[in-house]
Amino acid sequence: MPKTNFSTDEKGEMNIKTETGDIGVDYGTEPSNLKVKVENAKGDTSVNLGGLSTANETNKDVSGTIGAGENSLYVKSRSGTIEVK
């Protein structure tokens, strides 16, 4: 399965969606003001961000905020591994 990697910072809004394939999001600098929502129908989900206060955390879905959550990250996959760090 192909993997799509993103290196990013926390500015603004980032939306990533795929039907199949792995997704990797790597923050070069630890985010301090971010709203996170990750949805995965089939596959593993891993979100490793310091300071993330989770509202929901399962093997398939993770949502939460860091700081005030003024910036956002939304990642969705129907089938594949999602890793956010």
N, C-alpha and C. Protein backbone atom coordinates (compact mmCIF):
# COMPACT_ATOMS: atom_id res chain seq x y z
N MET A 1 0.84 -1.17 0.00
CA MET A 1 0.00 0.00 0.00
C MET A 1 0.89 1.24 0.00
N PRO A 2 0.64 2.22 -0.86
CA PRO A 2 1.47 3.42 -0.90
C PRO A 2 1.29 4.27 0.36
N LYS A 3 2.35 5.00 0.72
CA LYS A 3 2.28 5.89 1.87
C LYS A 3 2.55 7.31 1.42
N THR A 4 1.71 8.24 1.88
CA THR A 4 1.88 9.65 1.60
C THR A 4 2.37 10.31 2.87
N ASN A 5 3.51 11.01 2.80
CA ASN A 5 4.08 11.69 3.96
C ASN A 5 3.98 13.19 3.78
N PHE A 6 3.65 13.86 4.87
CA PHE A 6 3.56 15.32 4.89
C PHE A 6 4.44 15.83 6.02
N SER A 7 5.31 16.78 5.73
CA SER A 7 6.04 17.53 6.76
C SER A 7 5.40 18.90 6.78
N THR A 8 5.03 19.38 7.96
CA THR A 8 4.25 20.61 8.03
C THR A 8 4.50 21.36 9.32
N ASP A 9 3.93 22.56 9.39
CA ASP A 9 3.86 23.29 10.65
C ASP A 9 2.38 23.44 10.98
N GLU A 10 2.05 24.06 12.10
CA GLU A 10 0.66 24.07 12.54
C GLU A 10 -0.16 25.24 12.02
N LYS A 11 0.34 26.04 11.14
CA LYS A 11 -0.36 27.23 10.67
C LYS A 11 -1.56 26.88 9.80
N GLY A 12 -2.71 27.50 10.09
CA GLY A 12 -3.89 27.35 9.26
C GLY A 12 -4.59 26.02 9.41
N GLU A 13 -5.19 25.58 8.32
CA GLU A 13 -6.00 24.37 8.30
C GLU A 13 -5.41 23.38 7.31
N MET A 14 -5.27 22.12 7.72
CA MET A 14 -4.77 21.09 6.83
C MET A 14 -5.78 19.94 6.82
N ASN A 15 -6.28 19.59 5.62
CA ASN A 15 -7.22 18.48 5.43
C ASN A 15 -6.58 17.46 4.51
N ILE A 16 -6.53 16.21 4.97
CA ILE A 16 -5.96 15.13 4.17
C ILE A 16 -6.97 13.99 4.16
N LYS A 17 -7.36 13.54 2.96
CA LYS A 17 -8.31 12.44 2.84
C LYS A 17 -7.82 11.47 1.77
N THR A 18 -8.04 10.18 2.01
CA THR A 18 -7.71 9.17 1.02
C THR A 18 -8.64 7.98 1.17
N GLU A 19 -8.88 7.29 0.08
CA GLU A 19 -9.68 6.07 0.14
C GLU A 19 -8.83 4.92 0.66
N THR A 20 -7.65 4.72 0.05
CA THR A 20 -6.73 3.66 0.50
C THR A 20 -5.31 4.22 0.50
N GLY A 21 -4.49 3.66 1.36
CA GLY A 21 -3.10 4.08 1.46
C GLY A 21 -2.79 4.63 2.84
N ASP A 22 -1.53 4.59 3.19
CA ASP A 22 -1.07 5.07 4.48
C ASP A 22 -0.79 6.56 4.43
N ILE A 23 -1.00 7.24 5.56
CA ILE A 23 -0.76 8.67 5.67
C ILE A 23 0.15 8.92 6.86
N GLY A 24 1.20 9.71 6.65
CA GLY A 24 2.09 10.13 7.73
C GLY A 24 2.18 11.64 7.75
N VAL A 25 1.94 12.25 8.92
CA VAL A 25 2.05 13.69 9.10
C VAL A 25 3.10 13.93 10.17
N ASP A 26 4.12 14.71 9.83
CA ASP A 26 5.23 14.96 10.74
C ASP A 26 5.39 16.47 10.95
N TYR A 27 5.18 16.89 12.19
CA TYR A 27 5.39 18.30 12.55
C TYR A 27 6.85 18.48 12.92
N GLY A 28 7.55 19.34 12.20
CA GLY A 28 8.96 19.60 12.49
C GLY A 28 9.15 20.21 13.86
N THR A 29 8.23 21.10 14.25
CA THR A 29 8.23 21.72 15.56
C THR A 29 6.94 21.31 16.26
N GLU A 30 7.03 20.90 17.51
CA GLU A 30 5.86 20.46 18.27
C GLU A 30 4.77 21.55 18.24
N PRO A 31 3.54 21.23 17.80
CA PRO A 31 2.47 22.21 17.75
C PRO A 31 2.08 22.69 19.15
N SER A 32 1.64 23.95 19.24
CA SER A 32 1.23 24.51 20.53
C SER A 32 -0.19 25.06 20.50
N ASN A 33 -0.84 25.03 19.32
CA ASN A 33 -2.16 25.64 19.18
C ASN A 33 -2.91 24.93 18.04
N LEU A 34 -3.36 23.69 18.28
CA LEU A 34 -3.84 22.85 17.19
C LEU A 34 -5.06 22.04 17.62
N LYS A 35 -6.06 21.98 16.72
CA LYS A 35 -7.21 21.10 16.88
C LYS A 35 -6.98 19.90 15.96
N VAL A 36 -7.12 18.68 16.49
CA VAL A 36 -6.81 17.47 15.74
C VAL A 36 -8.05 16.59 15.64
N LYS A 37 -8.32 16.07 14.43
CA LYS A 37 -9.39 15.11 14.20
C LYS A 37 -8.87 14.08 13.20
N VAL A 38 -8.78 12.83 13.62
CA VAL A 38 -8.30 11.74 12.77
C VAL A 38 -9.37 10.65 12.74
N GLU A 39 -9.78 10.22 11.54
CA GLU A 39 -10.77 9.16 11.37
C GLU A 39 -10.21 8.11 10.44
N ASN A 40 -10.34 6.83 10.82
CA ASN A 40 -9.79 5.74 10.04
C ASN A 40 -10.74 4.55 10.11
N ALA A 41 -11.35 4.19 8.99
CA ALA A 41 -12.32 3.09 8.98
C ALA A 41 -11.66 1.73 9.17
N LYS A 42 -10.58 1.45 8.42
CA LYS A 42 -9.86 0.18 8.54
C LYS A 42 -8.37 0.49 8.54
N GLY A 43 -7.69 0.13 9.61
CA GLY A 43 -6.26 0.37 9.71
C GLY A 43 -5.92 0.92 11.08
N ASP A 44 -4.64 1.04 11.35
CA ASP A 44 -4.18 1.53 12.63
C ASP A 44 -4.05 3.05 12.62
N THR A 45 -4.29 3.65 13.79
CA THR A 45 -4.18 5.09 13.95
C THR A 45 -3.26 5.38 15.12
N SER A 46 -2.28 6.27 14.90
CA SER A 46 -1.33 6.64 15.94
C SER A 46 -1.14 8.15 15.91
N VAL A 47 -1.44 8.81 17.04
CA VAL A 47 -1.25 10.25 17.16
C VAL A 47 -0.35 10.49 18.37
N ASN A 48 0.86 10.97 18.12
CA ASN A 48 1.85 11.20 19.17
C ASN A 48 2.27 12.66 19.14
N LEU A 49 1.44 13.51 19.75
CA LEU A 49 1.73 14.94 19.84
C LEU A 49 1.73 15.33 21.30
N GLY A 50 2.81 15.94 21.76
CA GLY A 50 2.91 16.39 23.14
C GLY A 50 1.87 17.45 23.45
N GLY A 51 1.26 17.36 24.61
CA GLY A 51 0.29 18.36 25.03
C GLY A 51 -1.10 18.17 24.47
N LEU A 52 -1.35 17.07 23.74
CA LEU A 52 -2.68 16.84 23.16
C LEU A 52 -3.64 16.39 24.24
N SER A 53 -4.69 17.16 24.43
CA SER A 53 -5.77 16.82 25.36
C SER A 53 -6.86 16.15 24.54
N THR A 54 -7.01 14.83 24.67
CA THR A 54 -7.93 14.10 23.80
C THR A 54 -9.35 14.11 24.34
N ALA A 55 -10.29 14.32 23.43
CA ALA A 55 -11.71 14.22 23.73
C ALA A 55 -12.20 12.81 23.40
N ASN A 56 -11.53 12.19 22.41
CA ASN A 56 -11.87 10.84 21.97
C ASN A 56 -10.59 10.18 21.48
N GLU A 57 -10.33 8.95 21.91
CA GLU A 57 -9.14 8.24 21.44
C GLU A 57 -9.42 6.74 21.41
N THR A 58 -9.51 6.21 20.18
CA THR A 58 -9.67 4.78 19.96
C THR A 58 -8.65 4.35 18.91
N ASN A 59 -8.66 3.07 18.53
CA ASN A 59 -7.77 2.60 17.47
C ASN A 59 -8.12 3.20 16.12
N LYS A 60 -9.35 3.68 15.97
CA LYS A 60 -9.82 4.19 14.69
C LYS A 60 -9.99 5.70 14.64
N ASP A 61 -10.27 6.33 15.77
CA ASP A 61 -10.55 7.76 15.80
C ASP A 61 -9.80 8.44 16.94
N VAL A 62 -9.26 9.62 16.66
CA VAL A 62 -8.63 10.45 17.68
C VAL A 62 -9.05 11.89 17.44
N SER A 63 -9.49 12.56 18.49
CA SER A 63 -9.77 13.99 18.39
C SER A 63 -9.34 14.66 19.69
N GLY A 64 -8.88 15.89 19.56
CA GLY A 64 -8.45 16.63 20.74
C GLY A 64 -7.83 17.96 20.34
N THR A 65 -7.32 18.67 21.34
CA THR A 65 -6.73 19.97 21.10
C THR A 65 -5.43 20.13 21.86
N ILE A 66 -4.61 21.00 21.32
CA ILE A 66 -3.40 21.48 21.98
C ILE A 66 -3.58 22.99 22.07
N GLY A 67 -3.46 23.54 23.26
CA GLY A 67 -3.67 24.97 23.43
C GLY A 67 -5.09 25.35 23.12
N ALA A 68 -5.27 26.51 22.46
CA ALA A 68 -6.61 27.00 22.12
C ALA A 68 -7.19 26.35 20.87
N GLY A 69 -6.38 25.62 20.12
CA GLY A 69 -6.87 24.93 18.93
C GLY A 69 -7.23 25.85 17.77
N GLU A 70 -6.50 26.94 17.60
CA GLU A 70 -6.80 27.90 16.53
C GLU A 70 -6.43 27.39 15.15
N ASN A 71 -5.48 26.48 15.05
CA ASN A 71 -5.11 25.84 13.78
C ASN A 71 -5.72 24.44 13.79
N SER A 72 -5.84 23.80 12.61
CA SER A 72 -6.49 22.50 12.61
C SER A 72 -5.83 21.51 11.66
N LEU A 73 -5.96 20.24 12.04
CA LEU A 73 -5.52 19.11 11.22
C LEU A 73 -6.66 18.12 11.18
N TYR A 74 -7.10 17.75 9.97
CA TYR A 74 -8.14 16.74 9.78
C TYR A 74 -7.58 15.70 8.82
N VAL A 75 -7.56 14.43 9.27
CA VAL A 75 -7.04 13.34 8.45
C VAL A 75 -8.08 12.23 8.44
N LYS A 76 -8.41 11.72 7.22
CA LYS A 76 -9.41 10.67 7.11
C LYS A 76 -8.96 9.65 6.07
N SER A 77 -9.11 8.36 6.40
CA SER A 77 -8.79 7.29 5.47
C SER A 77 -9.84 6.18 5.61
N ARG A 78 -10.18 5.55 4.52
CA ARG A 78 -11.08 4.40 4.57
C ARG A 78 -10.30 3.13 4.84
N SER A 79 -9.04 3.08 4.40
CA SER A 79 -8.24 1.87 4.59
C SER A 79 -6.76 2.22 4.52
N GLY A 80 -6.08 2.10 5.65
CA GLY A 80 -4.65 2.39 5.69
C GLY A 80 -4.23 2.83 7.08
N THR A 81 -2.96 2.91 7.30
CA THR A 81 -2.42 3.34 8.57
C THR A 81 -2.27 4.86 8.56
N ILE A 82 -2.62 5.50 9.68
CA ILE A 82 -2.43 6.94 9.84
C ILE A 82 -1.51 7.16 11.02
N GLU A 83 -0.44 7.94 10.80
CA GLU A 83 0.50 8.26 11.87
C GLU A 83 0.72 9.78 11.89
N VAL A 84 0.49 10.40 13.04
CA VAL A 84 0.71 11.83 13.23
C VAL A 84 1.70 11.99 14.36
N LYS A 85 2.78 12.73 14.10
CA LYS A 85 3.78 12.95 15.16
C LYS A 85 4.41 14.30 15.01
